[in-house]
Protein backbone atom coordinates (compact mmCIF):
# COMPACT_ATOMS: atom_id res chain seq x y z
CA MET A 1 -32.21 -45.31 6.16
CA GLN A 2 -35.34 -44.54 4.18
CA LYS A 3 -36.41 -41.07 3.20
CA SER A 4 -39.60 -40.07 4.99
CA VAL A 5 -42.06 -37.33 4.10
CA PHE A 6 -45.03 -36.10 6.10
CA ARG A 7 -47.23 -33.24 5.14
CA PHE A 8 -50.30 -31.44 6.36
CA LEU A 9 -52.02 -29.91 3.36
CA SER A 10 -55.24 -28.31 4.60
CA ARG A 11 -58.37 -29.06 6.57
CA HIS A 12 -60.27 -30.58 3.67
CA SER A 13 -61.41 -34.13 3.05
CA ASP A 14 -58.60 -36.45 1.94
CA ALA A 15 -56.04 -33.73 2.71
CA VAL A 16 -53.78 -35.61 5.13
CA GLU A 17 -51.20 -37.89 3.57
CA LEU A 18 -48.27 -39.29 5.53
CA GLU A 19 -45.90 -41.25 3.39
CA ASN A 20 -42.44 -42.64 2.77
CA ASP A 21 -41.01 -45.11 0.29
CA ASN A 22 -42.93 -48.06 1.76
CA TYR A 23 -46.12 -46.74 3.32
CA LEU A 24 -48.99 -44.35 2.70
CA LEU A 25 -51.35 -43.23 5.46
CA ARG A 26 -54.48 -41.32 4.46
CA LEU A 27 -58.11 -40.74 5.36
CA PRO A 28 -60.47 -43.63 4.51
CA ARG A 29 -62.56 -43.39 1.35
CA TYR A 30 -65.75 -45.06 0.18
CA SER A 31 -63.73 -46.84 -2.48
CA ASP A 32 -61.72 -48.64 0.24
CA PHE A 33 -64.75 -50.66 1.36
CA ASN A 34 -63.91 -53.95 -0.34
CA GLN A 35 -60.36 -54.04 1.04
CA TRP A 36 -61.54 -52.94 4.49
CA HIS A 37 -64.35 -55.50 4.58
CA LYS A 38 -62.12 -58.39 3.55
CA LEU A 39 -59.37 -57.53 6.00
CA ARG A 40 -61.67 -56.90 8.97
CA ALA A 41 -63.81 -60.00 8.25
CA GLU A 42 -60.86 -62.38 8.05
CA SER A 43 -59.28 -60.78 11.15
CA ARG A 44 -62.42 -60.73 13.30
CA ARG A 45 -61.36 -63.32 15.89
CA PHE A 46 -57.94 -61.73 16.06
CA LEU A 47 -59.29 -58.19 16.65
CA GLU A 48 -62.39 -58.68 18.78
CA PRO A 49 -60.61 -59.27 22.13
CA TRP A 50 -59.02 -55.79 21.90
CA GLU A 51 -61.87 -53.71 20.48
CA PRO A 52 -65.31 -52.42 21.50
CA THR A 53 -68.09 -54.93 20.84
CA TRP A 54 -68.73 -55.37 17.13
CA ARG A 55 -72.30 -54.47 16.16
CA HIS A 56 -74.44 -56.94 14.24
CA ASP A 57 -74.04 -54.77 11.11
CA GLU A 58 -70.36 -53.99 11.75
CA LEU A 59 -69.13 -55.17 8.36
CA THR A 60 -71.99 -53.93 6.17
CA GLU A 61 -71.50 -51.31 3.49
CA GLY A 62 -74.03 -49.05 5.22
CA ALA A 63 -72.13 -49.17 8.50
CA TYR A 64 -68.90 -48.46 6.64
CA ARG A 65 -70.41 -45.43 4.90
CA ALA A 66 -71.64 -44.12 8.26
CA ARG A 67 -68.13 -44.62 9.64
CA ILE A 68 -66.64 -42.61 6.78
CA ILE A 69 -69.14 -39.79 7.26
CA ARG A 70 -68.46 -39.65 10.99
CA GLY A 71 -64.72 -39.69 10.39
CA LYS A 72 -64.96 -36.78 7.94
CA GLN A 73 -67.07 -34.81 10.42
CA GLU A 74 -64.60 -35.41 13.25
CA TYR A 75 -61.70 -34.49 10.97
CA SER A 76 -63.38 -31.29 9.76
CA SER A 77 -64.11 -30.25 13.35
CA GLY A 78 -60.52 -30.97 14.45
CA GLN A 79 -61.55 -33.74 16.85
CA ALA A 80 -59.91 -36.74 15.23
CA ILE A 81 -57.96 -37.94 12.19
CA PRO A 82 -58.69 -41.55 11.19
CA LEU A 83 -56.05 -42.99 8.86
CA PHE A 84 -55.78 -46.19 6.85
CA ILE A 85 -52.33 -47.77 6.46
CA PHE A 86 -51.39 -48.93 2.95
CA LEU A 87 -48.33 -50.64 1.55
CA ARG A 88 -47.22 -48.29 -1.23
CA GLU A 89 -45.97 -51.04 -3.53
CA ASN A 90 -49.48 -52.35 -4.32
CA MET A 91 -51.74 -50.07 -2.22
CA THR A 92 -52.75 -52.96 0.01
CA LEU A 93 -54.65 -51.99 3.15
CA VAL A 94 -52.99 -53.53 6.22
CA GLY A 95 -54.56 -51.66 9.15
CA GLY A 96 -55.55 -48.34 10.61
CA ILE A 97 -54.49 -45.75 13.15
CA THR A 98 -56.58 -42.92 14.57
CA ILE A 99 -55.40 -39.68 16.12
CA GLY A 100 -58.37 -39.05 18.39
CA TYR A 101 -59.57 -36.94 21.30
CA ILE A 102 -57.57 -34.00 20.00
CA ARG A 103 -57.55 -31.33 22.70
CA ARG A 104 -56.32 -27.80 22.21
CA GLY A 105 -56.07 -24.98 24.72
CA ALA A 106 -53.95 -25.78 27.75
CA ALA A 107 -53.87 -29.54 27.03
CA GLN A 108 -52.51 -29.67 23.43
CA SER A 109 -52.81 -33.45 23.42
CA CYS A 110 -54.39 -36.42 21.68
CA MET A 111 -54.88 -40.16 22.04
CA ILE A 112 -53.95 -42.73 19.42
CA GLY A 113 -55.63 -46.06 18.73
CA TYR A 114 -54.73 -48.62 16.10
CA TRP A 115 -55.54 -51.99 14.57
CA MET A 116 -53.71 -54.33 12.24
CA GLY A 117 -55.05 -57.11 10.03
CA GLU A 118 -54.10 -60.54 11.34
CA ARG A 119 -52.13 -61.57 8.25
CA TYR A 120 -49.95 -58.44 8.56
CA SER A 121 -49.40 -58.45 12.33
CA GLY A 122 -45.95 -58.87 13.82
CA GLN A 123 -44.20 -57.61 10.67
CA GLY A 124 -43.30 -54.09 11.82
CA HIS A 125 -46.03 -52.30 9.89
CA MET A 126 -47.56 -50.54 12.89
CA PHE A 127 -44.18 -49.43 14.19
CA ALA A 128 -43.47 -48.01 10.74
CA ALA A 129 -46.83 -46.21 10.78
CA LEU A 130 -46.00 -44.67 14.15
CA GLN A 131 -42.77 -43.30 12.69
CA LEU A 132 -44.94 -41.23 10.35
CA VAL A 133 -47.73 -40.37 12.78
CA ILE A 134 -45.62 -39.22 15.74
CA PRO A 135 -43.69 -36.47 13.86
CA TYR A 136 -46.95 -35.36 12.23
CA ILE A 137 -48.65 -34.99 15.61
CA PHE A 138 -45.81 -32.97 17.09
CA SER A 139 -44.80 -30.93 14.04
CA GLY A 140 -47.87 -30.88 11.81
CA LEU A 141 -50.58 -30.62 14.47
CA GLU A 142 -48.23 -28.93 16.96
CA LEU A 143 -49.51 -30.98 19.90
CA HIS A 144 -47.51 -31.52 23.06
CA ARG A 145 -48.61 -34.92 24.33
CA ILE A 146 -49.69 -38.26 22.81
CA GLU A 147 -51.55 -40.80 24.95
CA ALA A 148 -52.27 -44.48 24.31
CA ALA A 149 -54.04 -47.05 26.48
CA CYS A 150 -53.60 -50.83 26.32
CA ILE A 151 -55.32 -53.76 27.97
CA PRO A 152 -52.71 -55.29 30.34
CA ASP A 153 -52.93 -58.62 28.50
CA ASN A 154 -51.95 -57.01 25.21
CA GLU A 155 -48.21 -57.40 25.63
CA ARG A 156 -47.50 -56.96 21.93
CA SER A 157 -49.13 -53.51 21.91
CA MET A 158 -47.29 -52.44 25.06
CA ARG A 159 -43.95 -53.51 23.58
CA LEU A 160 -44.78 -51.56 20.43
CA LEU A 161 -45.46 -48.35 22.36
CA GLN A 162 -42.32 -48.69 24.45
CA LYS A 163 -40.25 -49.28 21.31
CA ALA A 164 -41.81 -46.10 19.84
CA GLY A 165 -40.68 -44.04 22.83
CA PHE A 166 -43.82 -44.05 24.99
CA GLN A 167 -43.51 -44.09 28.76
CA ARG A 168 -45.75 -46.18 31.00
CA GLU A 169 -47.68 -43.93 33.37
CA GLY A 170 -50.12 -46.02 35.36
CA HIS A 171 -53.06 -48.41 35.64
CA LEU A 172 -56.60 -47.23 34.83
CA ARG A 173 -59.43 -49.24 36.39
CA GLY A 174 -62.46 -50.01 34.21
CA TYR A 175 -61.27 -47.51 31.63
CA LEU A 176 -62.97 -48.71 28.43
CA LYS A 177 -65.64 -51.25 27.51
CA ILE A 178 -63.89 -53.80 25.33
CA ASN A 179 -65.64 -56.76 23.72
CA GLY A 180 -68.60 -56.30 26.07
CA GLN A 181 -66.65 -55.92 29.32
CA TRP A 182 -65.24 -52.95 31.21
CA ARG A 183 -61.50 -53.53 31.10
CA ASP A 184 -58.58 -52.05 32.98
CA HIS A 185 -55.98 -50.34 30.82
CA VAL A 186 -52.35 -49.32 31.12
CA MET A 187 -51.75 -45.70 30.13
CA PHE A 188 -48.72 -44.70 28.05
CA SER A 189 -47.66 -41.25 26.90
CA ARG A 190 -45.05 -39.49 24.83
CA LEU A 191 -44.23 -35.79 24.91
CA ALA A 192 -42.88 -33.59 22.17
CA SER A 193 -39.84 -32.99 24.37
CA ASP A 194 -39.10 -36.71 24.83
CA THR A 195 -36.16 -38.26 23.05
CA ASN A 196 -36.30 -41.85 21.87
CA PRO A 197 -33.14 -43.66 20.78
CA ASN A 198 -35.30 -46.48 19.36
CA GLN A 199 -37.23 -44.24 16.97
CA SER A 200 -35.97 -44.49 13.44
CA PHE A 201 -37.34 -44.15 9.96
CA ASP A 202 -35.63 -47.37 8.96
CA GLN A 203 -38.61 -49.51 7.92
CA ARG A 204 -36.88 -52.89 7.94
């Protein structure tokens, strides 16, 4: 059993850090561009079937800077928290996870989305990241409900969510435009009151 720490410092840039002995999740920085570019470029064919259509300038430094600015604006306004996932041992970027569509008021909910570099997929890194993100959402952000939507063909992602304690809710027709096509999605959710015997901070 590994010791896990999550903390919410303040609503300032680079304030969120979720970490344990093996992983660090934090807001993206301009200085991460080279790692991000390399990982996304080499994983393009692996990622494109599950993501919105990549723009012609998707991997340029200018597009990355615009992404960082937009992420900081959304974070400052309380709309979203984009996080990069690093291996603590050598600060290697392996993927990303975003807490988005944060809704307060009566809803108190959010939606998560994530991606993993091809060379790091299937090794438990995203499950480990969820073990940090889920407690942060419920305890740090004090939200009640987490939603996630998967393309029905993405069996790996659906297994991941179920392992992390999410419940399958239903089928959404033409929910999101993915890789140029409107795709159906399967909706999953997890509530703060849910218990999950599979959730553990063991990162093996």
